[in-house]
Amino acid sequence: MPTPIQNPTGYAIPRAIAYADIDGSMLQVSTAAPLPVAVTGSAAATPLTGTTATTSVVGPYQPAIGRAIMLLLTGTWTGTVKVVRSVDGGTTKQPLTINGNSWGQFTGNCCEAVWDESESAARFYLDITLASGSVTYRVAQ
């Protein structure tokens, strides 16, 4: 006895796995027609790496869409490293925020995800203000 499928309207045999195609048609899963697999994000971008002992802005880093951007900071240093974002080729750089609060701002070594990007025009920079020492950085995916 067929099992009714709601939205889209159709039928499938008992124990069959089915899903709706983009046009609403029922597609049955089998070895000949396995479940679709979506790739999450594109290939990783070339990392932005370096070491500095001076106050500077480094970048741009052009991220791949749909992948987490990781920041690694190491060294013996005092100061602040801020991740900033631009959508106009670096002319205007905005600090990252979440719910209106500062985000992606560091005063010590770290290794963590700082952002997931969905806009192809976005570029990222590190705004580094050092009081002493040197910091080694790596922005990658």
N, C-alpha and C. Protein backbone atom coordinates (compact mmCIF):
# COMPACT_ATOMS: atom_id res chain seq x y z
N MET A 1 0.85 -1.18 0.00
CA MET A 1 0.00 0.00 0.00
C MET A 1 0.89 1.24 0.00
N PRO A 2 0.64 2.19 -0.88
CA PRO A 2 1.47 3.40 -0.92
C PRO A 2 1.28 4.26 0.33
N THR A 3 2.34 4.96 0.69
CA THR A 3 2.32 5.88 1.82
C THR A 3 2.15 7.30 1.28
N PRO A 4 1.12 8.02 1.72
CA PRO A 4 0.95 9.38 1.20
C PRO A 4 2.09 10.29 1.64
N ILE A 5 2.47 11.19 0.77
CA ILE A 5 3.48 12.20 1.06
C ILE A 5 2.82 13.55 0.95
N GLN A 6 2.91 14.33 2.00
CA GLN A 6 2.32 15.66 2.01
C GLN A 6 3.31 16.66 1.42
N ASN A 7 2.87 17.52 0.60
CA ASN A 7 3.64 18.64 0.06
C ASN A 7 5.06 18.26 -0.35
N PRO A 8 5.34 17.80 -1.50
CA PRO A 8 4.40 17.74 -2.62
C PRO A 8 3.50 16.52 -2.52
N THR A 9 2.36 16.59 -3.18
CA THR A 9 1.44 15.47 -3.20
C THR A 9 2.03 14.37 -4.06
N GLY A 10 1.99 13.16 -3.53
CA GLY A 10 2.51 12.01 -4.26
C GLY A 10 2.50 10.80 -3.38
N TYR A 11 3.00 9.69 -3.88
CA TYR A 11 3.02 8.46 -3.12
C TYR A 11 4.37 7.78 -3.27
N ALA A 12 4.74 7.04 -2.26
CA ALA A 12 5.96 6.23 -2.30
C ALA A 12 5.63 4.89 -1.67
N ILE A 13 6.36 3.87 -2.03
CA ILE A 13 6.13 2.55 -1.45
C ILE A 13 6.57 2.56 0.00
N PRO A 14 6.02 1.68 0.86
CA PRO A 14 6.45 1.64 2.25
C PRO A 14 7.95 1.43 2.37
N ARG A 15 8.57 2.03 3.37
CA ARG A 15 9.99 1.97 3.67
C ARG A 15 10.85 2.67 2.63
N ALA A 16 10.28 3.36 1.70
CA ALA A 16 11.07 4.11 0.73
C ALA A 16 11.44 5.46 1.33
N ILE A 17 12.58 5.96 0.96
CA ILE A 17 12.98 7.30 1.36
C ILE A 17 12.84 8.19 0.15
N ALA A 18 12.17 9.31 0.33
CA ALA A 18 11.95 10.21 -0.79
C ALA A 18 12.11 11.65 -0.30
N TYR A 19 12.35 12.54 -1.23
CA TYR A 19 12.43 13.95 -0.92
C TYR A 19 11.87 14.73 -2.09
N ALA A 20 11.55 15.99 -1.86
CA ALA A 20 11.00 16.84 -2.90
C ALA A 20 12.11 17.50 -3.68
N ASP A 21 12.02 17.43 -5.00
CA ASP A 21 12.94 18.12 -5.88
C ASP A 21 12.62 19.61 -5.83
N ILE A 22 13.44 20.42 -6.47
CA ILE A 22 13.24 21.87 -6.44
C ILE A 22 11.89 22.27 -7.04
N ASP A 23 11.38 21.48 -7.99
CA ASP A 23 10.08 21.80 -8.59
C ASP A 23 8.93 21.13 -7.85
N GLY A 24 9.22 20.45 -6.73
CA GLY A 24 8.18 19.82 -5.93
C GLY A 24 7.92 18.38 -6.28
N SER A 25 8.59 17.82 -7.28
CA SER A 25 8.40 16.43 -7.64
C SER A 25 9.06 15.53 -6.61
N MET A 26 8.44 14.35 -6.40
CA MET A 26 9.03 13.40 -5.48
C MET A 26 10.17 12.66 -6.16
N LEU A 27 11.29 12.57 -5.48
CA LEU A 27 12.42 11.79 -5.96
C LEU A 27 12.68 10.69 -4.95
N GLN A 28 12.82 9.46 -5.42
CA GLN A 28 13.06 8.34 -4.53
C GLN A 28 14.55 8.08 -4.43
N VAL A 29 15.01 7.81 -3.23
CA VAL A 29 16.42 7.55 -2.98
C VAL A 29 16.70 6.07 -3.20
N SER A 30 17.73 5.79 -3.98
CA SER A 30 18.15 4.42 -4.21
C SER A 30 19.64 4.44 -4.52
N THR A 31 20.22 3.28 -4.78
CA THR A 31 21.64 3.26 -5.14
C THR A 31 21.87 3.97 -6.46
N ALA A 32 20.87 3.97 -7.33
CA ALA A 32 21.01 4.67 -8.61
C ALA A 32 20.77 6.17 -8.45
N ALA A 33 20.04 6.55 -7.42
CA ALA A 33 19.72 7.97 -7.19
C ALA A 33 19.90 8.28 -5.70
N PRO A 34 21.16 8.41 -5.22
CA PRO A 34 21.40 8.67 -3.80
C PRO A 34 20.95 10.07 -3.41
N LEU A 35 20.91 10.30 -2.10
CA LEU A 35 20.56 11.63 -1.61
C LEU A 35 21.55 12.66 -2.15
N PRO A 36 21.07 13.87 -2.44
CA PRO A 36 21.98 14.91 -2.92
C PRO A 36 22.92 15.36 -1.80
N VAL A 37 24.10 15.75 -2.16
CA VAL A 37 25.07 16.23 -1.19
C VAL A 37 25.47 17.64 -1.60
N ALA A 38 25.36 18.57 -0.66
CA ALA A 38 25.76 19.95 -0.93
C ALA A 38 27.14 20.18 -0.35
N VAL A 39 28.00 20.81 -1.11
CA VAL A 39 29.32 21.16 -0.62
C VAL A 39 29.18 22.41 0.22
N THR A 40 29.70 22.39 1.43
CA THR A 40 29.59 23.57 2.30
C THR A 40 30.82 24.44 2.13
N GLY A 41 30.67 25.45 1.35
CA GLY A 41 31.77 26.39 1.13
C GLY A 41 32.67 25.98 -0.01
N SER A 42 33.41 26.93 -0.48
CA SER A 42 34.34 26.69 -1.58
C SER A 42 35.73 26.38 -1.02
N ALA A 43 36.66 26.16 -1.92
CA ALA A 43 38.03 25.83 -1.51
C ALA A 43 38.61 26.93 -0.63
N ALA A 44 39.45 26.55 0.29
CA ALA A 44 40.06 27.50 1.22
C ALA A 44 40.92 28.53 0.48
N ALA A 45 40.93 29.73 1.01
CA ALA A 45 41.72 30.81 0.43
C ALA A 45 43.18 30.70 0.88
N THR A 46 44.05 31.42 0.18
CA THR A 46 45.47 31.47 0.54
C THR A 46 45.62 32.20 1.88
N PRO A 47 46.29 31.60 2.86
CA PRO A 47 46.43 32.24 4.17
C PRO A 47 47.19 33.56 4.11
N LEU A 48 46.87 34.44 5.04
CA LEU A 48 47.60 35.69 5.26
C LEU A 48 48.47 35.45 6.48
N THR A 49 49.78 35.48 6.30
CA THR A 49 50.70 35.18 7.40
C THR A 49 51.81 36.21 7.48
N GLY A 50 52.39 36.34 8.67
CA GLY A 50 53.53 37.23 8.83
C GLY A 50 53.85 37.47 10.29
N THR A 51 54.87 38.26 10.52
CA THR A 51 55.29 38.68 11.85
C THR A 51 55.57 40.17 11.78
N THR A 52 55.16 40.90 12.80
CA THR A 52 55.45 42.33 12.84
C THR A 52 55.80 42.76 14.27
N ALA A 53 56.67 43.74 14.35
CA ALA A 53 57.03 44.35 15.62
C ALA A 53 56.61 45.82 15.63
N THR A 54 55.85 46.23 14.60
CA THR A 54 55.42 47.62 14.48
C THR A 54 53.90 47.69 14.33
N THR A 55 53.36 48.83 14.69
CA THR A 55 51.95 49.07 14.48
C THR A 55 51.70 49.14 12.98
N SER A 56 50.73 48.37 12.52
CA SER A 56 50.47 48.32 11.07
C SER A 56 49.10 47.73 10.79
N VAL A 57 48.67 47.87 9.55
CA VAL A 57 47.47 47.20 9.05
C VAL A 57 47.94 46.24 7.98
N VAL A 58 47.62 44.97 8.13
CA VAL A 58 48.06 43.96 7.16
C VAL A 58 46.84 43.36 6.47
N GLY A 59 47.02 42.99 5.22
CA GLY A 59 45.95 42.41 4.42
C GLY A 59 46.03 42.95 3.02
N PRO A 60 45.10 42.63 2.20
CA PRO A 60 43.82 42.01 2.52
C PRO A 60 43.89 40.48 2.50
N TYR A 61 42.93 39.90 3.20
CA TYR A 61 42.69 38.47 3.14
C TYR A 61 41.35 38.29 2.45
N GLN A 62 41.34 37.54 1.35
CA GLN A 62 40.11 37.30 0.60
C GLN A 62 39.60 35.91 0.96
N PRO A 63 38.53 35.85 1.76
CA PRO A 63 38.06 34.54 2.22
C PRO A 63 37.25 33.80 1.17
N ALA A 64 37.21 32.49 1.30
CA ALA A 64 36.28 31.68 0.53
C ALA A 64 34.92 31.82 1.20
N ILE A 65 33.88 31.86 0.41
CA ILE A 65 32.53 32.01 0.94
C ILE A 65 32.10 30.71 1.64
N GLY A 66 31.44 30.87 2.77
CA GLY A 66 30.85 29.73 3.46
C GLY A 66 31.80 28.91 4.31
N ARG A 67 32.95 29.44 4.64
CA ARG A 67 33.90 28.73 5.50
C ARG A 67 34.31 29.65 6.64
N ALA A 68 34.58 29.07 7.78
CA ALA A 68 35.01 29.86 8.94
C ALA A 68 36.39 30.45 8.69
N ILE A 69 36.57 31.69 9.11
CA ILE A 69 37.88 32.34 9.05
C ILE A 69 38.53 32.15 10.41
N MET A 70 39.72 31.56 10.40
CA MET A 70 40.46 31.28 11.64
C MET A 70 41.57 32.31 11.82
N LEU A 71 41.78 32.73 13.05
CA LEU A 71 42.86 33.64 13.38
C LEU A 71 43.78 32.97 14.39
N LEU A 72 45.07 32.99 14.10
CA LEU A 72 46.09 32.48 15.01
C LEU A 72 47.05 33.63 15.30
N LEU A 73 47.20 33.96 16.57
CA LEU A 73 48.16 34.98 17.01
C LEU A 73 49.11 34.32 18.00
N THR A 74 50.43 34.49 17.78
CA THR A 74 51.43 33.94 18.69
C THR A 74 52.53 34.97 18.89
N GLY A 75 53.34 34.75 19.89
CA GLY A 75 54.48 35.63 20.15
C GLY A 75 54.42 36.21 21.54
N THR A 76 55.39 37.06 21.81
CA THR A 76 55.44 37.79 23.08
C THR A 76 55.23 39.25 22.73
N TRP A 77 54.05 39.74 23.03
CA TRP A 77 53.68 41.09 22.61
C TRP A 77 52.63 41.66 23.56
N THR A 78 52.54 42.99 23.55
CA THR A 78 51.45 43.70 24.22
C THR A 78 50.87 44.66 23.20
N GLY A 79 49.58 44.81 23.26
CA GLY A 79 48.90 45.67 22.31
C GLY A 79 47.54 45.10 21.98
N THR A 80 47.05 45.46 20.79
CA THR A 80 45.73 45.03 20.34
C THR A 80 45.80 44.64 18.87
N VAL A 81 45.13 43.53 18.55
CA VAL A 81 44.96 43.12 17.16
C VAL A 81 43.46 43.06 16.91
N LYS A 82 42.99 43.83 15.93
CA LYS A 82 41.57 43.84 15.57
C LYS A 82 41.40 43.29 14.17
N VAL A 83 40.42 42.43 13.99
CA VAL A 83 40.05 41.98 12.66
C VAL A 83 39.05 43.00 12.13
N VAL A 84 39.34 43.56 10.94
CA VAL A 84 38.44 44.53 10.34
C VAL A 84 38.03 44.04 8.95
N ARG A 85 36.89 44.51 8.49
CA ARG A 85 36.28 44.03 7.24
C ARG A 85 36.03 45.21 6.31
N SER A 86 36.23 44.97 5.02
CA SER A 86 35.98 45.99 4.00
C SER A 86 35.23 45.37 2.84
N VAL A 87 34.33 46.13 2.25
CA VAL A 87 33.65 45.69 1.02
C VAL A 87 33.93 46.66 -0.13
N ASP A 88 34.85 47.60 0.08
CA ASP A 88 35.16 48.58 -0.98
C ASP A 88 36.66 48.60 -1.30
N GLY A 89 37.29 47.44 -1.26
CA GLY A 89 38.70 47.34 -1.62
C GLY A 89 39.65 47.89 -0.57
N GLY A 90 39.19 48.06 0.65
CA GLY A 90 40.06 48.52 1.73
C GLY A 90 39.98 50.00 2.01
N THR A 91 39.21 50.75 1.24
CA THR A 91 39.07 52.19 1.48
C THR A 91 38.44 52.44 2.84
N THR A 92 37.37 51.71 3.14
CA THR A 92 36.69 51.80 4.42
C THR A 92 36.81 50.46 5.12
N LYS A 93 37.29 50.47 6.34
CA LYS A 93 37.44 49.23 7.12
C LYS A 93 36.59 49.36 8.38
N GLN A 94 35.74 48.37 8.60
CA GLN A 94 34.86 48.38 9.76
C GLN A 94 35.26 47.28 10.73
N PRO A 95 35.29 47.56 12.03
CA PRO A 95 35.57 46.50 13.00
C PRO A 95 34.41 45.51 13.03
N LEU A 96 34.71 44.27 13.37
CA LEU A 96 33.67 43.26 13.49
C LEU A 96 32.87 43.50 14.76
N THR A 97 31.57 43.27 14.68
CA THR A 97 30.71 43.34 15.85
C THR A 97 29.71 42.19 15.82
N ILE A 98 29.22 41.86 16.98
CA ILE A 98 28.11 40.92 17.11
C ILE A 98 27.11 41.56 18.07
N ASN A 99 25.91 41.74 17.57
CA ASN A 99 24.85 42.37 18.36
C ASN A 99 25.29 43.74 18.89
N GLY A 100 26.06 44.46 18.08
CA GLY A 100 26.52 45.79 18.45
C GLY A 100 27.72 45.84 19.36
N ASN A 101 28.23 44.68 19.75
CA ASN A 101 29.39 44.61 20.64
C ASN A 101 30.64 44.24 19.86
N SER A 102 31.80 44.73 20.33
CA SER A 102 33.07 44.43 19.67
C SER A 102 33.28 42.93 19.56
N TRP A 103 33.86 42.54 18.43
CA TRP A 103 34.16 41.13 18.15
C TRP A 103 35.46 41.08 17.36
N GLY A 104 36.22 40.05 17.53
CA GLY A 104 37.45 39.90 16.76
C GLY A 104 38.53 40.87 17.17
N GLN A 105 38.60 41.18 18.46
CA GLN A 105 39.60 42.10 19.01
C GLN A 105 40.37 41.37 20.10
N PHE A 106 41.71 41.33 19.99
CA PHE A 106 42.52 40.49 20.86
C PHE A 106 43.66 41.27 21.50
N THR A 107 43.96 40.93 22.75
CA THR A 107 45.10 41.52 23.47
C THR A 107 46.08 40.43 23.90
N GLY A 108 45.93 39.25 23.35
CA GLY A 108 46.81 38.12 23.66
C GLY A 108 46.74 37.08 22.57
N ASN A 109 47.57 36.07 22.69
CA ASN A 109 47.62 35.00 21.69
C ASN A 109 46.28 34.28 21.63
N CYS A 110 45.94 33.77 20.43
CA CYS A 110 44.66 33.09 20.25
C CYS A 110 44.73 32.13 19.07
N CYS A 111 43.77 31.26 19.02
CA CYS A 111 43.55 30.39 17.87
C CYS A 111 42.06 30.09 17.85
N GLU A 112 41.32 30.83 17.02
CA GLU A 112 39.87 30.67 17.03
C GLU A 112 39.22 31.19 15.75
N ALA A 113 38.01 30.71 15.53
CA ALA A 113 37.21 31.19 14.40
C ALA A 113 36.72 32.60 14.74
N VAL A 114 36.85 33.51 13.77
CA VAL A 114 36.43 34.89 14.02
C VAL A 114 35.26 35.35 13.16
N TRP A 115 34.96 34.63 12.07
CA TRP A 115 33.90 35.12 11.18
C TRP A 115 33.56 34.04 10.16
N ASP A 116 32.33 34.05 9.67
CA ASP A 116 31.89 33.27 8.51
C ASP A 116 31.39 34.28 7.50
N GLU A 117 31.96 34.30 6.32
CA GLU A 117 31.62 35.32 5.34
C GLU A 117 30.67 34.79 4.27
N SER A 118 29.74 35.67 3.83
CA SER A 118 28.80 35.31 2.78
C SER A 118 28.77 36.31 1.63
N GLU A 119 29.59 37.36 1.71
CA GLU A 119 29.61 38.39 0.66
C GLU A 119 30.94 38.33 -0.09
N SER A 120 30.85 38.16 -1.41
CA SER A 120 32.06 37.96 -2.21
C SER A 120 32.99 39.18 -2.25
N ALA A 121 32.47 40.37 -2.01
CA ALA A 121 33.31 41.57 -2.05
C ALA A 121 34.10 41.78 -0.76
N ALA A 122 33.81 41.03 0.26
CA ALA A 122 34.44 41.25 1.57
C ALA A 122 35.92 40.87 1.57
N ARG A 123 36.71 41.72 2.21
CA ARG A 123 38.13 41.48 2.43
C ARG A 123 38.40 41.78 3.90
N PHE A 124 39.36 41.08 4.47
CA PHE A 124 39.67 41.23 5.89
C PHE A 124 41.10 41.69 6.08
N TYR A 125 41.30 42.48 7.12
CA TYR A 125 42.60 43.03 7.46
C TYR A 125 42.81 42.86 8.95
N LEU A 126 44.06 42.89 9.38
CA LEU A 126 44.39 42.94 10.79
C LEU A 126 44.91 44.33 11.09
N ASP A 127 44.26 45.01 12.01
CA ASP A 127 44.67 46.33 12.47
C ASP A 127 45.47 46.08 13.75
N ILE A 128 46.79 46.16 13.64
CA ILE A 128 47.69 45.78 14.73
C ILE A 128 48.28 47.03 15.37
N THR A 129 48.06 47.19 16.68
CA THR A 129 48.63 48.28 17.45
C THR A 129 49.49 47.65 18.54
N LEU A 130 50.83 47.78 18.39
CA LEU A 130 51.74 47.16 19.35
C LEU A 130 52.37 48.19 20.28
N ALA A 131 52.45 47.83 21.56
CA ALA A 131 53.18 48.64 22.54
C ALA A 131 54.58 48.08 22.73
N SER A 132 54.70 46.74 22.58
CA SER A 132 56.02 46.10 22.69
C SER A 132 55.96 44.70 22.10
N GLY A 133 57.14 44.15 21.83
CA GLY A 133 57.25 42.78 21.34
C GLY A 133 56.92 42.65 19.86
N SER A 134 56.72 41.41 19.44
CA SER A 134 56.32 41.15 18.06
C SER A 134 55.27 40.05 18.05
N VAL A 135 54.34 40.17 17.13
CA VAL A 135 53.24 39.22 17.01
C VAL A 135 53.34 38.52 15.65
N THR A 136 53.15 37.21 15.68
CA THR A 136 53.06 36.42 14.45
C THR A 136 51.59 36.11 14.25
N TYR A 137 51.11 36.31 13.02
CA TYR A 137 49.69 36.16 12.72
C TYR A 137 49.49 35.19 11.56
N ARG A 138 48.33 34.57 11.57
CA ARG A 138 47.91 33.72 10.45
C ARG A 138 46.41 33.79 10.37
N VAL A 139 45.90 34.24 9.24
CA VAL A 139 44.47 34.26 8.95
C VAL A 139 44.27 33.23 7.86
N ALA A 140 43.41 32.25 8.09
CA ALA A 140 43.27 31.14 7.14
C ALA A 140 41.89 30.50 7.29
N GLN A 141 41.63 29.56 6.39
CA GLN A 141 40.39 28.79 6.46
C GLN A 141 40.71 27.32 6.38
